[in-house]
Amino acid sequence: MKISDLAVRKGIMKIYRITIHSIFYFVIITLLIALFIGVIRTTLNLLVLAGENDLMTGFKEFISAILYIIVIIELVKVFVEYFEYERVRLGILTEVIIAFTLREMILKVFEMNVSGLDIFFWSIAIFALIGGRVLILYFNLDKSESPYVRKIRRTLTRTSSSS
């Protein structure tokens, strides 16, 4: 490999990193703006809900806005995680999917056009995702874990060894 080839590769990788970081900064700023707008919208919905005659419609809007904020917070967590470790951990993605699935299930329930079988399948999916998250914690699939996760894993290990 020639020195000029190495210099070209380093230059391309530098441009690549700058481009990726610029895109992720843009996405984080956009998500933070969406979060800010969501909080303002939720606050205004709460004020409107107080003066509304049809409480159920206002309550559905309010719950939808709160769940929207939770999903946005989880997405911000994913992007911040990427900047911290320059990769996305499986556990964080699982948490985002759990939050999104819960949001969709709760919205379907509030629309009152869901059958018992639908709720059963939504619940199975949520329990499977939570089980996957527990397995990720137990088998330490996330190599860069927080002290909180280490404490949970130690507790799970002690509990399973004492049984």
C-alpha atoms as a PDB file:
ATOM      1  CA  MET A   1       0.000   0.000   0.000  1.00  0.00           C
ATOM      2  CA  LYS A   2       1.409   3.354  -0.976  1.00  0.00           C
ATOM      3  CA  ILE A   3       1.552   6.376   1.281  1.00  0.00           C
ATOM      4  CA  SER A   4      -0.721   8.317  -1.060  1.00  0.00           C
ATOM      5  CA  ASP A   5      -3.355   5.545  -0.905  1.00  0.00           C
ATOM      6  CA  LEU A   6      -3.222   5.649   2.877  1.00  0.00           C
ATOM      7  CA  ALA A   7      -3.578   9.444   2.885  1.00  0.00           C
ATOM      8  CA  VAL A   8      -6.568   9.243   0.525  1.00  0.00           C
ATOM      9  CA  ARG A   9      -8.226   6.623   2.751  1.00  0.00           C
ATOM     10  CA  LYS A  10      -7.640   8.708   5.870  1.00  0.00           C
ATOM     11  CA  GLY A  11      -9.081  11.753   4.097  1.00  0.00           C
ATOM     12  CA  ILE A  12     -12.161   9.834   2.985  1.00  0.00           C
ATOM     13  CA  MET A  13     -12.678   8.447   6.501  1.00  0.00           C
ATOM     14  CA  LYS A  14     -12.366  11.946   7.974  1.00  0.00           C
ATOM     15  CA  ILE A  15     -14.974  13.280   5.531  1.00  0.00           C
ATOM     16  CA  TYR A  16     -17.179  10.271   6.362  1.00  0.00           C
ATOM     17  CA  ARG A  17     -16.943  10.909  10.134  1.00  0.00           C
ATOM     18  CA  ILE A  18     -17.652  14.620   9.718  1.00  0.00           C
ATOM     19  CA  THR A  19     -20.674  13.845   7.543  1.00  0.00           C
ATOM     20  CA  ILE A  20     -22.039  11.220   9.962  1.00  0.00           C
ATOM     21  CA  HIS A  21     -21.568  13.509  12.963  1.00  0.00           C
ATOM     22  CA  SER A  22     -23.213  16.408  11.139  1.00  0.00           C
ATOM     23  CA  ILE A  23     -26.217  14.258  10.286  1.00  0.00           C
ATOM     24  CA  PHE A  24     -26.521  12.975  13.853  1.00  0.00           C
ATOM     25  CA  TYR A  25     -26.205  16.511  15.282  1.00  0.00           C
ATOM     26  CA  PHE A  26     -28.986  17.598  12.942  1.00  0.00           C
ATOM     27  CA  VAL A  27     -31.165  14.655  14.013  1.00  0.00           C
ATOM     28  CA  ILE A  28     -30.556  15.323  17.716  1.00  0.00           C
ATOM     29  CA  ILE A  29     -31.378  19.005  17.324  1.00  0.00           C
ATOM     30  CA  THR A  30     -34.532  18.078  15.397  1.00  0.00           C
ATOM     31  CA  LEU A  31     -35.542  15.574  18.084  1.00  0.00           C
ATOM     32  CA  LEU A  32     -34.945  18.123  20.837  1.00  0.00           C
ATOM     33  CA  ILE A  33     -37.079  20.674  18.985  1.00  0.00           C
ATOM     34  CA  ALA A  34     -39.790  18.014  18.572  1.00  0.00           C
ATOM     35  CA  LEU A  35     -39.531  17.232  22.287  1.00  0.00           C
ATOM     36  CA  PHE A  36     -39.836  20.920  23.175  1.00  0.00           C
ATOM     37  CA  ILE A  37     -42.863  21.322  20.893  1.00  0.00           C
ATOM     38  CA  GLY A  38     -44.386  18.145  22.361  1.00  0.00           C
ATOM     39  CA  VAL A  39     -44.025  19.447  25.917  1.00  0.00           C
ATOM     40  CA  ILE A  40     -45.576  22.794  24.971  1.00  0.00           C
ATOM     41  CA  ARG A  41     -48.391  21.043  23.086  1.00  0.00           C
ATOM     42  CA  THR A  42     -49.053  18.743  26.037  1.00  0.00           C
ATOM     43  CA  THR A  43     -49.188  21.684  28.434  1.00  0.00           C
ATOM     44  CA  LEU A  44     -51.615  23.521  26.152  1.00  0.00           C
ATOM     45  CA  ASN A  45     -53.722  20.353  25.777  1.00  0.00           C
ATOM     46  CA  LEU A  46     -53.905  20.123  29.550  1.00  0.00           C
ATOM     47  CA  LEU A  47     -55.179  23.698  29.739  1.00  0.00           C
ATOM     48  CA  VAL A  48     -57.728  23.015  26.990  1.00  0.00           C
ATOM     49  CA  LEU A  49     -58.734  19.764  28.684  1.00  0.00           C
ATOM     50  CA  ALA A  50     -59.697  21.686  31.822  1.00  0.00           C
ATOM     51  CA  GLY A  51     -62.290  23.717  29.906  1.00  0.00           C
ATOM     52  CA  GLU A  52     -63.531  20.938  27.604  1.00  0.00           C
ATOM     53  CA  ASN A  53     -67.048  19.499  27.781  1.00  0.00           C
ATOM     54  CA  ASP A  54     -66.086  16.226  26.063  1.00  0.00           C
ATOM     55  CA  LEU A  55     -63.377  15.012  28.421  1.00  0.00           C
ATOM     56  CA  MET A  56     -62.776  11.711  26.619  1.00  0.00           C
ATOM     57  CA  THR A  57     -61.613  13.349  23.376  1.00  0.00           C
ATOM     58  CA  GLY A  58     -59.337  15.756  25.229  1.00  0.00           C
ATOM     59  CA  PHE A  59     -58.019  12.977  27.414  1.00  0.00           C
ATOM     60  CA  LYS A  60     -57.137  10.860  24.347  1.00  0.00           C
ATOM     61  CA  GLU A  61     -55.222  13.809  22.872  1.00  0.00           C
ATOM     62  CA  PHE A  62     -53.409  14.361  26.155  1.00  0.00           C
ATOM     63  CA  ILE A  63     -52.410  10.689  26.520  1.00  0.00           C
ATOM     64  CA  SER A  64     -51.270  10.620  22.894  1.00  0.00           C
ATOM     65  CA  ALA A  65     -49.067  13.682  23.458  1.00  0.00           C
ATOM     66  CA  ILE A  66     -47.526  12.204  26.633  1.00  0.00           C
ATOM     67  CA  LEU A  67     -46.750   8.919  24.873  1.00  0.00           C
ATOM     68  CA  TYR A  68     -45.285  10.849  21.932  1.00  0.00           C
ATOM     69  CA  ILE A  69     -42.923  12.611  24.345  1.00  0.00           C
ATOM     70  CA  ILE A  70     -41.820   9.290  25.857  1.00  0.00           C
ATOM     71  CA  VAL A  71     -40.953   7.879  22.425  1.00  0.00           C
ATOM     72  CA  ILE A  72     -39.040  11.056  21.513  1.00  0.00           C
ATOM     73  CA  ILE A  73     -37.081  10.840  24.779  1.00  0.00           C
ATOM     74  CA  GLU A  74     -36.136   7.240  23.976  1.00  0.00           C
ATOM     75  CA  LEU A  75     -35.011   8.254  20.478  1.00  0.00           C
ATOM     76  CA  VAL A  76     -32.877  11.065  21.895  1.00  0.00           C
ATOM     77  CA  LYS A  77     -31.339   8.487  24.237  1.00  0.00           C
ATOM     78  CA  VAL A  78     -30.412   6.312  21.229  1.00  0.00           C
ATOM     79  CA  PHE A  79     -28.686   9.165  19.428  1.00  0.00           C
ATOM     80  CA  VAL A  80     -26.855  10.363  22.533  1.00  0.00           C
ATOM     81  CA  GLU A  81     -25.746   6.772  23.080  1.00  0.00           C
ATOM     82  CA  TYR A  82     -24.360   6.715  19.566  1.00  0.00           C
ATOM     83  CA  PHE A  83     -22.282   9.830  20.199  1.00  0.00           C
ATOM     84  CA  GLU A  84     -21.007   8.486  23.508  1.00  0.00           C
ATOM     85  CA  TYR A  85     -19.904   5.039  22.291  1.00  0.00           C
ATOM     86  CA  GLU A  86     -20.055   5.474  18.489  1.00  0.00           C
ATOM     87  CA  ARG A  87     -22.405   2.523  18.312  1.00  0.00           C
ATOM     88  CA  VAL A  88     -25.967   1.748  19.331  1.00  0.00           C
ATOM     89  CA  ARG A  89     -26.475  -0.817  22.053  1.00  0.00           C
ATOM     90  CA  LEU A  90     -29.056  -3.541  21.612  1.00  0.00           C
ATOM     91  CA  GLY A  91     -30.600  -2.823  25.012  1.00  0.00           C
ATOM     92  CA  ILE A  92     -31.315   0.800  24.171  1.00  0.00           C
ATOM     93  CA  LEU A  93     -32.959  -0.178  20.879  1.00  0.00           C
ATOM     94  CA  THR A  94     -35.076  -2.734  22.726  1.00  0.00           C
ATOM     95  CA  GLU A  95     -36.232  -0.034  25.145  1.00  0.00           C
ATOM     96  CA  VAL A  96     -37.245   2.211  22.250  1.00  0.00           C
ATOM     97  CA  ILE A  97     -39.223  -0.613  20.648  1.00  0.00           C
ATOM     98  CA  ILE A  98     -40.913  -1.397  23.996  1.00  0.00           C
ATOM     99  CA  ALA A  99     -41.896   2.267  24.456  1.00  0.00           C
ATOM    100  CA  PHE A 100     -43.217   2.504  20.898  1.00  0.00           C
ATOM    101  CA  THR A 101     -45.173  -0.769  21.224  1.00  0.00           C
ATOM    102  CA  LEU A 102     -46.700   0.340  24.526  1.00  0.00           C
ATOM    103  CA  ARG A 103     -47.642   3.662  22.970  1.00  0.00           C
ATOM    104  CA  GLU A 104     -49.391   2.008  20.057  1.00  0.00           C
ATOM    105  CA  MET A 105     -51.233  -0.455  22.300  1.00  0.00           C
ATOM    106  CA  ILE A 106     -52.432   2.262  24.673  1.00  0.00           C
ATOM    107  CA  LEU A 107     -53.616   4.422  21.771  1.00  0.00           C
ATOM    108  CA  LYS A 108     -55.552   1.473  20.300  1.00  0.00           C
ATOM    109  CA  VAL A 109     -57.189   0.841  23.677  1.00  0.00           C
ATOM    110  CA  PHE A 110     -58.195   4.505  24.004  1.00  0.00           C
ATOM    111  CA  GLU A 111     -59.690   4.474  20.504  1.00  0.00           C
ATOM    112  CA  MET A 112     -61.925   1.643  21.774  1.00  0.00           C
ATOM    113  CA  ASN A 113     -61.761  -0.280  18.515  1.00  0.00           C
ATOM    114  CA  VAL A 114     -59.616  -3.132  19.778  1.00  0.00           C
ATOM    115  CA  SER A 115     -60.702  -6.668  20.530  1.00  0.00           C
ATOM    116  CA  GLY A 116     -59.605  -8.880  23.388  1.00  0.00           C
ATOM    117  CA  LEU A 117     -57.535 -10.973  20.994  1.00  0.00           C
ATOM    118  CA  ASP A 118     -55.690  -7.852  19.795  1.00  0.00           C
ATOM    119  CA  ILE A 119     -54.865  -6.900  23.385  1.00  0.00           C
ATOM    120  CA  PHE A 120     -53.666 -10.463  23.995  1.00  0.00           C
ATOM    121  CA  PHE A 121     -51.271 -10.330  21.029  1.00  0.00           C
ATOM    122  CA  TRP A 122     -50.036  -6.832  21.933  1.00  0.00           C
ATOM    123  CA  SER A 123     -49.386  -8.082  25.481  1.00  0.00           C
ATOM    124  CA  ILE A 124     -47.498 -11.142  24.198  1.00  0.00           C
ATOM    125  CA  ALA A 125     -45.325  -8.871  22.037  1.00  0.00           C
ATOM    126  CA  ILE A 126     -44.591  -6.529  24.954  1.00  0.00           C
ATOM    127  CA  PHE A 127     -43.729  -9.427  27.287  1.00  0.00           C
ATOM    128  CA  ALA A 128     -41.462 -10.919  24.619  1.00  0.00           C
ATOM    129  CA  LEU A 129     -39.657  -7.584  24.230  1.00  0.00           C
ATOM    130  CA  ILE A 130     -39.279  -7.195  27.983  1.00  0.00           C
ATOM    131  CA  GLY A 131     -37.999 -10.781  28.168  1.00  0.00           C
ATOM    132  CA  GLY A 132     -35.487  -9.932  25.455  1.00  0.00           C
ATOM    133  CA  ARG A 133     -34.359  -6.889  27.427  1.00  0.00           C
ATOM    134  CA  VAL A 134     -33.892  -9.004  30.565  1.00  0.00           C
ATOM    135  CA  LEU A 135     -31.860 -11.547  28.574  1.00  0.00           C
ATOM    136  CA  ILE A 136     -29.696  -8.724  27.214  1.00  0.00           C
ATOM    137  CA  LEU A 137     -29.028  -7.601  30.800  1.00  0.00           C
ATOM    138  CA  TYR A 138     -28.455 -11.128  32.102  1.00  0.00           C
ATOM    139  CA  PHE A 139     -26.053 -12.280  29.396  1.00  0.00           C
ATOM    140  CA  ASN A 140     -24.315  -8.880  29.243  1.00  0.00           C
ATOM    141  CA  LEU A 141     -24.764  -8.405  25.508  1.00  0.00           C
ATOM    142  CA  ASP A 142     -24.183  -4.673  25.990  1.00  0.00           C
ATOM    143  CA  LYS A 143     -20.445  -4.449  26.606  1.00  0.00           C
ATOM    144  CA  SER A 144     -20.477  -0.846  27.830  1.00  0.00           C
ATOM    145  CA  GLU A 145     -22.956  -1.004  30.662  1.00  0.00           C
ATOM    146  CA  SER A 146     -23.813   1.532  33.287  1.00  0.00           C
ATOM    147  CA  PRO A 147     -23.288   0.934  37.027  1.00  0.00           C
ATOM    148  CA  TYR A 148     -27.063   0.605  37.378  1.00  0.00           C
ATOM    149  CA  VAL A 149     -27.125  -2.256  34.853  1.00  0.00           C
ATOM    150  CA  ARG A 150     -24.175  -3.957  36.587  1.00  0.00           C
ATOM    151  CA  LYS A 151     -26.078  -3.804  39.883  1.00  0.00           C
ATOM    152  CA  ILE A 152     -29.171  -5.372  38.293  1.00  0.00           C
ATOM    153  CA  ARG A 153     -27.065  -8.102  36.681  1.00  0.00           C
ATOM    154  CA  ARG A 154     -25.323  -8.892  39.992  1.00  0.00           C
ATOM    155  CA  THR A 155     -28.721  -9.077  41.712  1.00  0.00           C
ATOM    156  CA  LEU A 156     -30.035 -11.424  39.004  1.00  0.00           C
ATOM    157  CA  THR A 157     -26.920 -13.600  39.288  1.00  0.00           C
ATOM    158  CA  ARG A 158     -27.154 -13.776  43.104  1.00  0.00           C
ATOM    159  CA  THR A 159     -30.855 -14.639  42.920  1.00  0.00           C
ATOM    160  CA  SER A 160     -30.327 -17.410  40.375  1.00  0.00           C
ATOM    161  CA  SER A 161     -27.325 -18.880  42.235  1.00  0.00           C
ATOM    162  CA  SER A 162     -29.139 -18.943  45.607  1.00  0.00           C
ATOM    163  CA  SER A 163     -32.096 -20.864  44.139  1.00  0.00           C
END
